[in-house]
């Protein structure tokens, strides 16, 4: 059953996601957790991440061009959307511009930014570190610790659920309760869920991405 509508207007395609608040409650009540997560991602997380990425684009003029170039790179290797969510690619690209050590040294042209994203893909410690996109730098050390603890719990699984642990900082209004999961038989704990990297890419595909990025850097 299709939950969205595509509208073509003057050469542009807009996708509208339609939902009703009761849908969240019914899906969770019926234990249709996979559908629940998908709807929540598109309706709750996607608008905020779009706003976050727009802020990065407003501050760094080459971010949109770099993102299109990186998406082309993924598509050339048959990875775009099939194995990697395009929003995940946008977040990884945004990280290059808003990482703390890039505040005064963000790339100023598309080529340099493209190479930095490839270097990030090739050399980042995807197994041991989360990649946190926080353009406004409003996450406190305790928030960063929550994310790291969530990743550590995921890595204790026999098959990690999130090979690329990419997290977008939430709106300021949600920081107080960010990541709280209420448990029935234990104290409430915090768990940060990477909304756009659930099971994609897989461990095998991630290894391929790392290998392709390293090969591209050698050529470029």
N, C-alpha and C. Protein backbone atom coordinates (compact mmCIF):
# COMPACT_ATOMS: atom_id res chain seq x y z
N UNK A 1 0.85 -1.18 0.00
CA UNK A 1 0.00 0.00 0.00
C UNK A 1 0.89 1.24 0.00
N UNK A 2 0.63 2.14 -0.96
CA UNK A 2 1.48 3.31 -1.11
C UNK A 2 1.09 4.37 -0.08
N UNK A 3 2.07 4.94 0.57
CA UNK A 3 1.80 5.92 1.62
C UNK A 3 2.27 7.31 1.22
N UNK A 4 2.60 7.50 -0.05
CA UNK A 4 3.07 8.80 -0.49
C UNK A 4 2.51 9.12 -1.88
N UNK A 5 2.66 10.36 -2.27
CA UNK A 5 2.19 10.81 -3.58
C UNK A 5 3.29 11.63 -4.24
N UNK A 6 3.61 11.32 -5.48
CA UNK A 6 4.61 12.06 -6.24
C UNK A 6 3.91 13.08 -7.14
N UNK A 7 4.37 14.32 -7.08
CA UNK A 7 3.79 15.39 -7.89
C UNK A 7 4.87 15.98 -8.77
N UNK A 8 4.63 15.98 -10.09
CA UNK A 8 5.58 16.56 -11.05
C UNK A 8 5.12 17.97 -11.40
N UNK A 9 6.02 18.94 -11.25
CA UNK A 9 5.65 20.33 -11.51
C UNK A 9 6.84 21.07 -12.12
N UNK A 10 6.69 21.48 -13.37
CA UNK A 10 7.69 22.27 -14.08
C UNK A 10 9.09 21.65 -14.00
N UNK A 11 9.15 20.34 -14.22
CA UNK A 11 10.43 19.66 -14.25
C UNK A 11 10.94 19.19 -12.91
N UNK A 12 10.23 19.51 -11.82
CA UNK A 12 10.61 19.07 -10.48
C UNK A 12 9.63 18.00 -9.99
N UNK A 13 10.14 17.09 -9.18
CA UNK A 13 9.30 16.05 -8.61
C UNK A 13 9.29 16.21 -7.09
N UNK A 14 8.09 16.34 -6.53
CA UNK A 14 7.93 16.48 -5.10
C UNK A 14 7.22 15.24 -4.56
N UNK A 15 7.72 14.71 -3.45
CA UNK A 15 7.09 13.55 -2.84
C UNK A 15 6.43 13.96 -1.52
N UNK A 16 5.15 13.72 -1.42
CA UNK A 16 4.38 14.03 -0.23
C UNK A 16 4.07 12.74 0.52
N UNK A 17 4.47 12.71 1.79
CA UNK A 17 4.16 11.56 2.65
C UNK A 17 2.92 11.87 3.45
N UNK A 18 1.96 10.97 3.40
CA UNK A 18 0.68 11.20 4.07
C UNK A 18 0.53 10.24 5.25
N UNK A 19 0.12 10.78 6.38
CA UNK A 19 -0.07 9.94 7.56
C UNK A 19 -1.07 10.61 8.49
N UNK A 20 -1.54 9.83 9.43
CA UNK A 20 -2.44 10.33 10.46
C UNK A 20 -1.88 9.90 11.80
N UNK A 21 -2.04 10.75 12.81
CA UNK A 21 -1.40 10.48 14.08
C UNK A 21 -1.79 9.12 14.66
N UNK A 22 -3.02 8.70 14.42
CA UNK A 22 -3.46 7.41 14.95
C UNK A 22 -2.68 6.25 14.33
N UNK A 23 -2.13 6.50 13.13
CA UNK A 23 -1.39 5.45 12.45
C UNK A 23 -0.22 4.95 13.29
N UNK A 24 0.47 5.85 13.97
CA UNK A 24 1.60 5.46 14.82
C UNK A 24 1.12 4.53 15.93
N UNK A 25 0.02 4.94 16.57
CA UNK A 25 -0.50 4.15 17.68
C UNK A 25 -0.95 2.76 17.23
N UNK A 26 -1.64 2.69 16.09
CA UNK A 26 -2.16 1.41 15.61
C UNK A 26 -1.03 0.47 15.19
N UNK A 27 -0.04 1.00 14.49
CA UNK A 27 1.08 0.17 14.05
C UNK A 27 1.83 -0.40 15.25
N UNK A 28 2.05 0.44 16.26
CA UNK A 28 2.76 -0.03 17.45
C UNK A 28 1.92 -1.03 18.22
N UNK A 29 0.60 -0.79 18.31
CA UNK A 29 -0.29 -1.69 19.03
C UNK A 29 -0.35 -3.05 18.36
N UNK A 30 -0.30 -3.08 17.04
CA UNK A 30 -0.35 -4.33 16.28
C UNK A 30 1.02 -4.97 16.14
N UNK A 31 2.03 -4.37 16.80
CA UNK A 31 3.39 -4.90 16.80
C UNK A 31 4.00 -4.94 15.39
N UNK A 32 3.58 -4.02 14.55
CA UNK A 32 4.15 -3.90 13.20
C UNK A 32 5.29 -2.89 13.27
N UNK A 33 6.35 -3.31 13.96
CA UNK A 33 7.40 -2.37 14.32
C UNK A 33 8.19 -1.86 13.12
N UNK A 34 8.39 -2.71 12.13
CA UNK A 34 9.14 -2.27 10.95
C UNK A 34 8.39 -1.16 10.22
N UNK A 35 7.08 -1.33 10.05
CA UNK A 35 6.28 -0.29 9.42
C UNK A 35 6.22 0.95 10.29
N UNK A 36 6.14 0.76 11.59
CA UNK A 36 6.10 1.88 12.53
C UNK A 36 7.36 2.73 12.40
N UNK A 37 8.52 2.07 12.36
CA UNK A 37 9.78 2.81 12.24
C UNK A 37 9.86 3.56 10.91
N UNK A 38 9.39 2.91 9.82
CA UNK A 38 9.45 3.54 8.50
C UNK A 38 8.59 4.79 8.45
N UNK A 39 7.37 4.70 8.98
CA UNK A 39 6.46 5.85 8.97
C UNK A 39 7.01 6.95 9.87
N UNK A 40 7.51 6.59 11.04
CA UNK A 40 8.05 7.59 11.96
C UNK A 40 9.25 8.30 11.35
N UNK A 41 10.09 7.56 10.64
CA UNK A 41 11.26 8.17 10.01
C UNK A 41 10.86 9.21 8.99
N UNK A 42 9.90 8.88 8.13
CA UNK A 42 9.51 9.79 7.07
C UNK A 42 8.71 10.98 7.58
N UNK A 43 7.87 10.76 8.57
CA UNK A 43 6.96 11.82 9.02
C UNK A 43 7.55 12.68 10.13
N UNK A 44 8.34 12.08 11.01
CA UNK A 44 8.88 12.83 12.15
C UNK A 44 10.33 13.23 11.96
N UNK A 45 11.17 12.29 11.53
CA UNK A 45 12.61 12.58 11.43
C UNK A 45 12.98 13.33 10.15
N UNK A 46 12.37 12.94 9.03
CA UNK A 46 12.76 13.51 7.74
C UNK A 46 12.60 15.03 7.68
N UNK A 47 11.48 15.62 8.14
CA UNK A 47 11.36 17.08 8.08
C UNK A 47 12.45 17.81 8.87
N UNK A 48 12.79 17.28 10.05
CA UNK A 48 13.84 17.93 10.85
C UNK A 48 15.19 17.84 10.16
N UNK A 49 15.52 16.67 9.62
CA UNK A 49 16.81 16.49 8.94
C UNK A 49 16.87 17.38 7.70
N UNK A 50 15.77 17.52 6.99
CA UNK A 50 15.73 18.42 5.83
C UNK A 50 16.05 19.85 6.25
N UNK A 51 15.47 20.28 7.36
CA UNK A 51 15.74 21.62 7.88
C UNK A 51 17.20 21.76 8.29
N UNK A 52 17.74 20.73 8.92
CA UNK A 52 19.14 20.74 9.34
C UNK A 52 20.07 20.85 8.14
N UNK A 53 19.79 20.08 7.09
CA UNK A 53 20.63 20.11 5.89
C UNK A 53 20.51 21.45 5.16
N UNK A 54 19.31 22.02 5.20
CA UNK A 54 19.13 23.34 4.58
C UNK A 54 20.00 24.38 5.28
N UNK A 55 20.11 24.28 6.60
CA UNK A 55 20.95 25.22 7.34
C UNK A 55 22.42 25.08 6.93
N UNK A 56 22.87 23.84 6.71
CA UNK A 56 24.24 23.62 6.24
C UNK A 56 24.43 24.21 4.85
N UNK A 57 23.44 24.03 3.98
CA UNK A 57 23.51 24.56 2.62
C UNK A 57 23.55 26.09 2.62
N UNK A 58 22.79 26.71 3.53
CA UNK A 58 22.78 28.17 3.60
C UNK A 58 24.13 28.72 4.06
N UNK A 59 24.83 27.94 4.88
CA UNK A 59 26.11 28.40 5.42
C UNK A 59 27.28 28.07 4.52
N UNK A 60 27.16 26.97 3.76
CA UNK A 60 28.26 26.53 2.90
C UNK A 60 27.74 26.34 1.47
N UNK A 61 28.12 27.25 0.59
CA UNK A 61 27.54 27.29 -0.75
C UNK A 61 27.87 26.06 -1.59
N UNK A 62 28.98 25.37 -1.30
CA UNK A 62 29.34 24.22 -2.14
C UNK A 62 28.76 22.91 -1.61
N UNK A 63 28.04 22.98 -0.49
CA UNK A 63 27.45 21.75 0.05
C UNK A 63 26.47 21.08 -0.92
N UNK A 64 25.52 21.81 -1.53
CA UNK A 64 24.59 21.15 -2.46
C UNK A 64 25.29 20.48 -3.64
N UNK A 65 26.27 21.17 -4.24
CA UNK A 65 26.99 20.60 -5.38
C UNK A 65 27.78 19.36 -4.96
N UNK A 66 28.39 19.43 -3.78
CA UNK A 66 29.15 18.28 -3.28
C UNK A 66 28.24 17.09 -3.05
N UNK A 67 27.07 17.35 -2.49
CA UNK A 67 26.11 16.28 -2.24
C UNK A 67 25.69 15.61 -3.54
N UNK A 68 25.41 16.40 -4.57
CA UNK A 68 25.03 15.83 -5.87
C UNK A 68 26.17 15.00 -6.45
N UNK A 69 27.40 15.48 -6.29
CA UNK A 69 28.55 14.76 -6.81
C UNK A 69 28.74 13.43 -6.08
N UNK A 70 28.59 13.45 -4.76
CA UNK A 70 28.73 12.21 -3.98
C UNK A 70 27.63 11.23 -4.33
N UNK A 71 26.41 11.72 -4.51
CA UNK A 71 25.31 10.83 -4.91
C UNK A 71 25.58 10.21 -6.27
N UNK A 72 26.16 11.00 -7.17
CA UNK A 72 26.53 10.47 -8.49
C UNK A 72 27.56 9.36 -8.35
N UNK A 73 28.51 9.56 -7.43
CA UNK A 73 29.54 8.55 -7.18
C UNK A 73 28.89 7.25 -6.67
N UNK A 74 27.98 7.36 -5.73
CA UNK A 74 27.28 6.18 -5.22
C UNK A 74 26.45 5.52 -6.32
N UNK A 75 25.77 6.33 -7.13
CA UNK A 75 24.93 5.78 -8.20
C UNK A 75 25.77 5.07 -9.25
N UNK A 76 26.95 5.62 -9.55
CA UNK A 76 27.84 5.01 -10.54
C UNK A 76 28.25 3.60 -10.12
N UNK A 77 28.36 3.39 -8.83
CA UNK A 77 28.75 2.08 -8.31
C UNK A 77 27.54 1.22 -7.93
N UNK A 78 26.35 1.68 -8.34
CA UNK A 78 25.14 0.88 -8.11
C UNK A 78 24.72 0.80 -6.66
N UNK A 79 25.01 1.83 -5.87
CA UNK A 79 24.75 1.78 -4.43
C UNK A 79 23.63 2.71 -3.98
N UNK A 80 23.32 3.74 -4.77
CA UNK A 80 22.37 4.76 -4.34
C UNK A 80 20.97 4.19 -4.21
N UNK A 81 20.37 4.42 -3.03
CA UNK A 81 19.00 4.01 -2.69
C UNK A 81 18.84 2.49 -2.56
N UNK A 82 19.47 1.73 -3.43
CA UNK A 82 19.35 0.27 -3.34
C UNK A 82 20.02 -0.23 -2.06
N UNK A 83 21.23 0.24 -1.82
CA UNK A 83 21.99 -0.21 -0.65
C UNK A 83 22.24 0.89 0.38
N UNK A 84 22.12 2.15 -0.04
CA UNK A 84 22.40 3.28 0.86
C UNK A 84 21.30 4.32 0.71
N UNK A 85 20.71 4.71 1.84
CA UNK A 85 19.68 5.74 1.85
C UNK A 85 20.29 7.08 1.44
N UNK A 86 19.62 7.81 0.54
CA UNK A 86 20.18 9.07 0.07
C UNK A 86 20.29 10.11 1.18
N UNK A 87 19.40 10.06 2.18
CA UNK A 87 19.51 11.00 3.30
C UNK A 87 20.77 10.71 4.11
N UNK A 88 21.13 9.44 4.22
CA UNK A 88 22.37 9.07 4.91
C UNK A 88 23.57 9.69 4.21
N UNK A 89 23.57 9.66 2.88
CA UNK A 89 24.66 10.26 2.10
C UNK A 89 24.72 11.77 2.36
N UNK A 90 23.56 12.41 2.42
CA UNK A 90 23.51 13.85 2.67
C UNK A 90 24.07 14.18 4.06
N UNK A 91 23.76 13.35 5.04
CA UNK A 91 24.27 13.59 6.39
C UNK A 91 25.78 13.39 6.46
N UNK A 92 26.28 12.35 5.81
CA UNK A 92 27.72 12.11 5.81
C UNK A 92 28.44 13.28 5.14
N UNK A 93 27.87 13.79 4.05
CA UNK A 93 28.47 14.94 3.37
C UNK A 93 28.42 16.18 4.26
N UNK A 94 27.31 16.38 4.94
CA UNK A 94 27.17 17.54 5.82
C UNK A 94 28.20 17.51 6.94
N UNK A 95 28.54 16.32 7.40
CA UNK A 95 29.51 16.19 8.50
C UNK A 95 30.85 16.82 8.14
N UNK A 96 31.24 16.72 6.89
CA UNK A 96 32.52 17.29 6.44
C UNK A 96 32.53 18.80 6.63
N UNK A 97 31.36 19.42 6.51
CA UNK A 97 31.29 20.88 6.62
C UNK A 97 31.08 21.37 8.05
N UNK A 98 30.48 20.55 8.90
CA UNK A 98 30.13 21.05 10.24
C UNK A 98 30.84 20.34 11.37
N UNK A 99 31.80 19.46 11.07
CA UNK A 99 32.56 18.83 12.14
C UNK A 99 33.30 19.90 12.92
N UNK A 100 33.54 19.66 14.18
CA UNK A 100 34.09 20.69 15.06
C UNK A 100 35.45 21.21 14.58
N UNK A 101 36.28 20.34 14.04
CA UNK A 101 37.60 20.79 13.60
C UNK A 101 37.57 21.42 12.21
N UNK A 102 36.34 21.58 11.64
CA UNK A 102 36.23 22.19 10.32
C UNK A 102 35.59 23.56 10.38
N UNK A 103 35.39 24.07 11.61
CA UNK A 103 34.69 25.35 11.75
C UNK A 103 35.37 26.47 10.97
N UNK A 104 36.70 26.50 11.01
CA UNK A 104 37.42 27.56 10.31
C UNK A 104 38.15 27.03 9.08
N UNK A 105 37.90 25.75 8.76
CA UNK A 105 38.63 25.14 7.66
C UNK A 105 37.69 24.28 6.80
N UNK A 106 36.45 24.71 6.67
CA UNK A 106 35.51 23.97 5.84
C UNK A 106 35.91 24.10 4.38
N UNK A 107 35.71 23.07 3.57
CA UNK A 107 36.09 23.15 2.15
C UNK A 107 35.36 24.28 1.43
N UNK A 108 36.09 24.96 0.56
CA UNK A 108 35.53 26.12 -0.13
C UNK A 108 35.20 25.83 -1.60
N UNK A 109 35.57 24.69 -2.09
CA UNK A 109 35.21 24.33 -3.47
C UNK A 109 34.77 22.88 -3.52
N UNK A 110 34.02 22.56 -4.57
CA UNK A 110 33.39 21.25 -4.67
C UNK A 110 34.40 20.12 -4.73
N UNK A 111 35.48 20.30 -5.44
CA UNK A 111 36.49 19.24 -5.59
C UNK A 111 37.11 18.87 -4.25
N UNK A 112 37.49 19.90 -3.49
CA UNK A 112 38.09 19.65 -2.17
C UNK A 112 37.09 18.96 -1.25
N UNK A 113 35.84 19.40 -1.28
CA UNK A 113 34.81 18.81 -0.44
C UNK A 113 34.56 17.35 -0.83
N UNK A 114 34.53 17.08 -2.13
CA UNK A 114 34.33 15.72 -2.62
C UNK A 114 35.43 14.79 -2.12
N UNK A 115 36.67 15.26 -2.18
CA UNK A 115 37.80 14.45 -1.71
C UNK A 115 37.72 14.20 -0.21
N UNK A 116 37.27 15.20 0.54
CA UNK A 116 37.14 15.03 1.99
C UNK A 116 36.07 14.00 2.35
N UNK A 117 34.98 14.00 1.59
CA UNK A 117 33.93 13.00 1.85
C UNK A 117 34.46 11.61 1.53
N UNK A 118 35.18 11.46 0.43
CA UNK A 118 35.77 10.16 0.09
C UNK A 118 36.75 9.72 1.18
N UNK A 119 37.54 10.66 1.67
CA UNK A 119 38.49 10.34 2.74
C UNK A 119 37.75 9.91 4.01
N UNK A 120 36.64 10.57 4.30
CA UNK A 120 35.83 10.20 5.46
C UNK A 120 35.29 8.78 5.31
N UNK A 121 34.75 8.48 4.13
CA UNK A 121 34.21 7.14 3.87
C UNK A 121 35.30 6.08 3.98
N UNK A 122 36.49 6.43 3.52
CA UNK A 122 37.57 5.45 3.46
C UNK A 122 38.24 5.19 4.80
N UNK A 123 38.31 6.20 5.64
CA UNK A 123 39.17 6.09 6.82
C UNK A 123 38.46 6.27 8.17
N UNK A 124 37.18 6.54 8.18
CA UNK A 124 36.48 6.73 9.46
C UNK A 124 36.35 5.39 10.18
N UNK A 125 36.39 5.45 11.50
CA UNK A 125 36.23 4.23 12.32
C UNK A 125 34.74 3.92 12.47
N UNK A 126 34.16 3.31 11.44
CA UNK A 126 32.72 3.03 11.46
C UNK A 126 32.35 1.98 12.50
N UNK A 127 33.30 1.16 12.88
CA UNK A 127 33.01 0.12 13.86
C UNK A 127 32.94 0.67 15.28
N UNK A 128 33.80 1.61 15.59
CA UNK A 128 33.91 2.05 16.97
C UNK A 128 33.37 3.43 17.30
N UNK A 129 33.08 4.25 16.28
CA UNK A 129 32.66 5.62 16.54
C UNK A 129 31.36 5.97 15.82
N UNK A 130 30.47 6.68 16.49
CA UNK A 130 29.30 7.20 15.79
C UNK A 130 29.68 8.45 15.00
N UNK A 131 28.97 8.73 13.94
CA UNK A 131 29.20 9.95 13.18
C UNK A 131 28.02 10.87 13.48
N UNK A 132 28.28 11.96 14.21
CA UNK A 132 27.22 12.83 14.71
C UNK A 132 27.23 14.14 13.93
N UNK A 133 26.10 14.44 13.30
CA UNK A 133 25.95 15.67 12.53
C UNK A 133 25.24 16.69 13.40
N UNK A 134 25.98 17.71 13.82
CA UNK A 134 25.45 18.70 14.76
C UNK A 134 25.90 20.09 14.32
N UNK A 135 25.27 20.66 13.29
CA UNK A 135 25.72 21.95 12.74
C UNK A 135 25.71 23.09 13.75
N UNK A 136 24.76 23.07 14.68
CA UNK A 136 24.65 24.16 15.64
C UNK A 136 25.47 23.93 16.91
N UNK A 137 26.11 22.78 16.99
CA UNK A 137 26.97 22.45 18.15
C UNK A 137 26.23 22.61 19.48
N UNK A 138 24.98 22.15 19.54
CA UNK A 138 24.23 22.28 20.78
C UNK A 138 24.15 20.98 21.57
N UNK A 139 24.86 19.93 21.11
CA UNK A 139 24.92 18.70 21.90
C UNK A 139 25.97 18.83 22.98
N UNK A 140 25.60 18.46 24.17
CA UNK A 140 26.52 18.53 25.30
C UNK A 140 27.26 17.19 25.43
N UNK A 141 28.34 17.16 26.22
CA UNK A 141 29.09 15.91 26.39
C UNK A 141 28.22 14.73 26.80
N UNK A 142 27.20 14.96 27.62
CA UNK A 142 26.34 13.84 28.03
C UNK A 142 25.56 13.28 26.86
N UNK A 143 25.17 14.15 25.92
CA UNK A 143 24.47 13.66 24.73
C UNK A 143 25.40 12.82 23.87
N UNK A 144 26.63 13.28 23.73
CA UNK A 144 27.60 12.52 22.93
C UNK A 144 27.86 11.16 23.59
N UNK A 145 27.87 11.15 24.92
CA UNK A 145 28.07 9.89 25.63
C UNK A 145 26.90 8.94 25.40
N UNK A 146 25.67 9.48 25.38
CA UNK A 146 24.50 8.64 25.13
C UNK A 146 24.62 7.96 23.76
N UNK A 147 25.05 8.73 22.76
CA UNK A 147 25.18 8.17 21.41
C UNK A 147 26.23 7.07 21.39
N UNK A 148 27.38 7.32 22.03
CA UNK A 148 28.43 6.31 22.06
C UNK A 148 27.97 5.05 22.77
N UNK A 149 27.23 5.20 23.87
CA UNK A 149 26.72 4.04 24.59
C UNK A 149 25.73 3.26 23.75
N UNK A 150 24.93 3.95 22.97
CA UNK A 150 23.98 3.29 22.08
C UNK A 150 24.71 2.47 21.03
N UNK A 151 25.76 3.06 20.46
CA UNK A 151 26.56 2.32 19.47
C UNK A 151 27.21 1.10 20.11
N UNK A 152 27.75 1.27 21.31
CA UNK A 152 28.40 0.15 21.98
C UNK A 152 27.42 -1.00 22.21
N UNK A 153 26.17 -0.67 22.56
CA UNK A 153 25.17 -1.72 22.73
C UNK A 153 24.87 -2.41 21.41
N UNK A 154 24.82 -1.63 20.34
CA UNK A 154 24.56 -2.23 19.03
C UNK A 154 25.68 -3.17 18.62
N UNK A 155 26.91 -2.84 18.99
CA UNK A 155 28.06 -3.65 18.59
C UNK A 155 28.14 -4.96 19.38
N UNK A 156 27.36 -5.09 20.45
CA UNK A 156 27.35 -6.35 21.19
C UNK A 156 26.45 -7.39 20.52
N UNK A 157 25.66 -6.97 19.54
CA UNK A 157 24.82 -7.91 18.81
C UNK A 157 25.68 -8.82 17.94
N UNK A 158 25.19 -10.02 17.66
CA UNK A 158 25.93 -10.92 16.77
C UNK A 158 26.02 -10.32 15.37
N UNK A 159 24.94 -9.64 14.94
CA UNK A 159 24.93 -8.91 13.68
C UNK A 159 24.48 -7.48 13.99
N UNK A 160 25.38 -6.50 13.99
CA UNK A 160 25.00 -5.12 14.31
C UNK A 160 23.87 -4.63 13.42
N UNK A 161 22.94 -3.89 14.03
CA UNK A 161 21.79 -3.38 13.28
C UNK A 161 22.15 -2.14 12.47
N UNK A 162 23.18 -1.43 12.92
CA UNK A 162 23.55 -0.17 12.27
C UNK A 162 25.05 -0.17 11.94
N UNK A 163 25.47 -0.75 10.82
CA UNK A 163 26.89 -0.74 10.46
C UNK A 163 27.47 0.68 10.38
N UNK A 164 26.68 1.63 9.83
CA UNK A 164 27.08 3.04 9.82
C UNK A 164 26.20 3.76 10.84
N UNK A 165 26.77 4.16 11.96
CA UNK A 165 25.99 4.76 13.04
C UNK A 165 25.99 6.27 12.87
N UNK A 166 25.14 6.76 11.97
CA UNK A 166 25.09 8.18 11.63
C UNK A 166 23.87 8.80 12.31
N UNK A 167 24.11 9.81 13.13
CA UNK A 167 23.04 10.41 13.93
C UNK A 167 22.97 11.91 13.66
N UNK A 168 21.76 12.41 13.42
CA UNK A 168 21.54 13.85 13.29
C UNK A 168 21.07 14.40 14.62
N UNK A 169 21.64 15.52 15.03
CA UNK A 169 21.23 16.15 16.29
C UNK A 169 19.75 16.52 16.22
N UNK A 170 19.01 16.31 17.30
CA UNK A 170 17.57 16.60 17.30
C UNK A 170 17.32 18.09 17.48
N UNK A 171 16.06 18.52 17.34
CA UNK A 171 15.72 19.91 17.66
C UNK A 171 16.03 20.20 19.13
N UNK A 172 16.31 21.45 19.42
CA UNK A 172 16.65 21.84 20.78
C UNK A 172 15.55 21.46 21.77
N UNK A 173 14.30 21.55 21.33
CA UNK A 173 13.17 21.26 22.21
C UNK A 173 13.12 19.80 22.64
N UNK A 174 13.81 18.92 21.92
CA UNK A 174 13.77 17.49 22.23
C UNK A 174 14.99 17.01 22.99
N UNK A 175 15.93 17.89 23.24
CA UNK A 175 17.18 17.46 23.85
C UNK A 175 16.99 16.89 25.26
N UNK A 176 16.04 17.45 26.01
CA UNK A 176 15.86 17.03 27.39
C UNK A 176 15.54 15.54 27.49
N UNK A 177 14.68 15.06 26.60
CA UNK A 177 14.26 13.66 26.64
C UNK A 177 14.82 12.86 25.47
N UNK A 178 15.88 13.37 24.86
CA UNK A 178 16.41 12.73 23.65
C UNK A 178 16.89 11.31 23.95
N UNK A 179 16.33 10.35 23.26
CA UNK A 179 16.80 8.99 23.35
C UNK A 179 16.27 8.18 24.51
N UNK A 180 15.32 8.71 25.30
CA UNK A 180 14.82 7.93 26.44
C UNK A 180 13.93 6.79 25.95
N UNK A 181 14.23 5.60 26.39
CA UNK A 181 13.41 4.43 26.11
C UNK A 181 12.90 3.91 27.43
N UNK A 182 11.59 3.84 27.60
CA UNK A 182 11.01 3.39 28.86
C UNK A 182 10.93 1.86 28.86
N UNK A 183 11.57 1.26 29.82
CA UNK A 183 11.58 -0.20 29.95
C UNK A 183 10.60 -0.61 31.04
N UNK A 184 10.04 -1.79 30.93
CA UNK A 184 9.04 -2.24 31.88
C UNK A 184 9.65 -2.86 33.13
N UNK A 185 10.80 -3.48 33.01
CA UNK A 185 11.37 -4.21 34.14
C UNK A 185 12.70 -3.62 34.61
N UNK A 186 13.03 -2.47 34.10
CA UNK A 186 14.25 -1.82 34.55
C UNK A 186 14.08 -0.32 34.45
N UNK A 187 15.05 0.42 34.91
CA UNK A 187 14.96 1.86 34.86
C UNK A 187 14.99 2.33 33.41
N UNK A 188 14.36 3.48 33.15
CA UNK A 188 14.42 4.02 31.79
C UNK A 188 15.87 4.22 31.36
N UNK A 189 16.18 3.86 30.15
CA UNK A 189 17.54 4.07 29.65
C UNK A 189 17.48 4.86 28.36
N UNK A 190 18.60 5.36 27.95
CA UNK A 190 18.66 6.16 26.73
C UNK A 190 19.24 5.32 25.59
N UNK A 191 18.57 5.42 24.47
CA UNK A 191 19.06 4.73 23.28
C UNK A 191 18.84 5.64 22.08
N UNK A 192 19.90 5.98 21.40
CA UNK A 192 19.82 6.88 20.24
C UNK A 192 19.75 6.04 18.98
N UNK A 193 18.69 6.23 18.22
CA UNK A 193 18.47 5.42 17.01
C UNK A 193 18.85 6.21 15.77
N UNK A 194 19.79 5.71 14.96
CA UNK A 194 20.11 6.36 13.69
C UNK A 194 18.99 6.09 12.69
N UNK A 195 18.14 7.07 12.46
CA UNK A 195 16.90 6.84 11.71
C UNK A 195 17.14 6.44 10.25
N UNK A 196 18.24 6.86 9.65
CA UNK A 196 18.41 6.65 8.21
C UNK A 196 19.49 5.63 7.86
N UNK A 197 19.95 4.86 8.84
CA UNK A 197 20.98 3.86 8.52
C UNK A 197 20.61 2.48 9.07
N UNK A 198 19.33 2.25 9.28
CA UNK A 198 18.89 0.96 9.81
C UNK A 198 19.06 -0.13 8.77
N UNK A 199 20.05 -1.01 8.99
CA UNK A 199 20.32 -2.17 8.13
C UNK A 199 20.84 -1.79 6.74
N UNK A 200 20.96 -0.53 6.45
CA UNK A 200 21.51 -0.10 5.17
C UNK A 200 22.54 1.00 5.40
N UNK A 201 23.74 0.85 4.92
CA UNK A 201 24.24 -0.32 4.19
C UNK A 201 24.55 -1.48 5.14
N UNK A 202 24.58 -2.67 4.59
CA UNK A 202 24.97 -3.84 5.37
C UNK A 202 26.49 -3.81 5.59
N UNK A 203 26.97 -4.73 6.43
CA UNK A 203 28.41 -4.79 6.69
C UNK A 203 29.18 -5.04 5.40
N UNK A 204 28.66 -5.93 4.55
CA UNK A 204 29.34 -6.25 3.29
C UNK A 204 29.40 -5.02 2.39
N UNK A 205 28.27 -4.31 2.29
CA UNK A 205 28.23 -3.12 1.43
C UNK A 205 29.11 -2.02 1.99
N UNK A 206 29.15 -1.90 3.32
CA UNK A 206 30.01 -0.89 3.93
C UNK A 206 31.47 -1.15 3.59
N UNK A 207 31.89 -2.41 3.64
CA UNK A 207 33.27 -2.75 3.26
C UNK A 207 33.53 -2.39 1.81
N UNK A 208 32.53 -2.59 0.96
CA UNK A 208 32.69 -2.24 -0.45
C UNK A 208 32.82 -0.73 -0.62
N UNK A 209 32.01 0.03 0.13
CA UNK A 209 32.08 1.49 0.06
C UNK A 209 33.46 1.97 0.47
N UNK A 210 33.98 1.42 1.58
CA UNK A 210 35.31 1.80 2.06
C UNK A 210 36.37 1.49 1.01
N UNK A 211 36.28 0.29 0.41
CA UNK A 211 37.25 -0.09 -0.61
C UNK A 211 37.18 0.79 -1.85
N UNK A 212 35.97 1.10 -2.30
CA UNK A 212 35.80 1.96 -3.47
C UNK A 212 36.29 3.38 -3.20
N UNK A 213 36.04 3.88 -1.99
CA UNK A 213 36.50 5.23 -1.64
C UNK A 213 38.03 5.28 -1.62
N UNK A 214 38.66 4.27 -1.09
CA UNK A 214 40.13 4.24 -1.05
C UNK A 214 40.70 4.15 -2.46
N UNK A 215 40.07 3.34 -3.31
CA UNK A 215 40.52 3.23 -4.70
C UNK A 215 40.34 4.54 -5.44
N UNK A 216 39.24 5.23 -5.19
CA UNK A 216 38.99 6.53 -5.85
C UNK A 216 40.02 7.56 -5.41
N UNK A 217 40.37 7.56 -4.14
CA UNK A 217 41.36 8.52 -3.64
C UNK A 217 42.72 8.29 -4.27
N UNK A 218 43.07 7.05 -4.53
CA UNK A 218 44.34 6.75 -5.16
C UNK A 218 44.40 7.29 -6.59
N UNK A 219 43.26 7.23 -7.28
CA UNK A 219 43.20 7.72 -8.66
C UNK A 219 43.15 9.23 -8.70
N UNK A 220 42.38 9.83 -7.78
CA UNK A 220 42.20 11.29 -7.79
C UNK A 220 43.35 12.02 -7.09
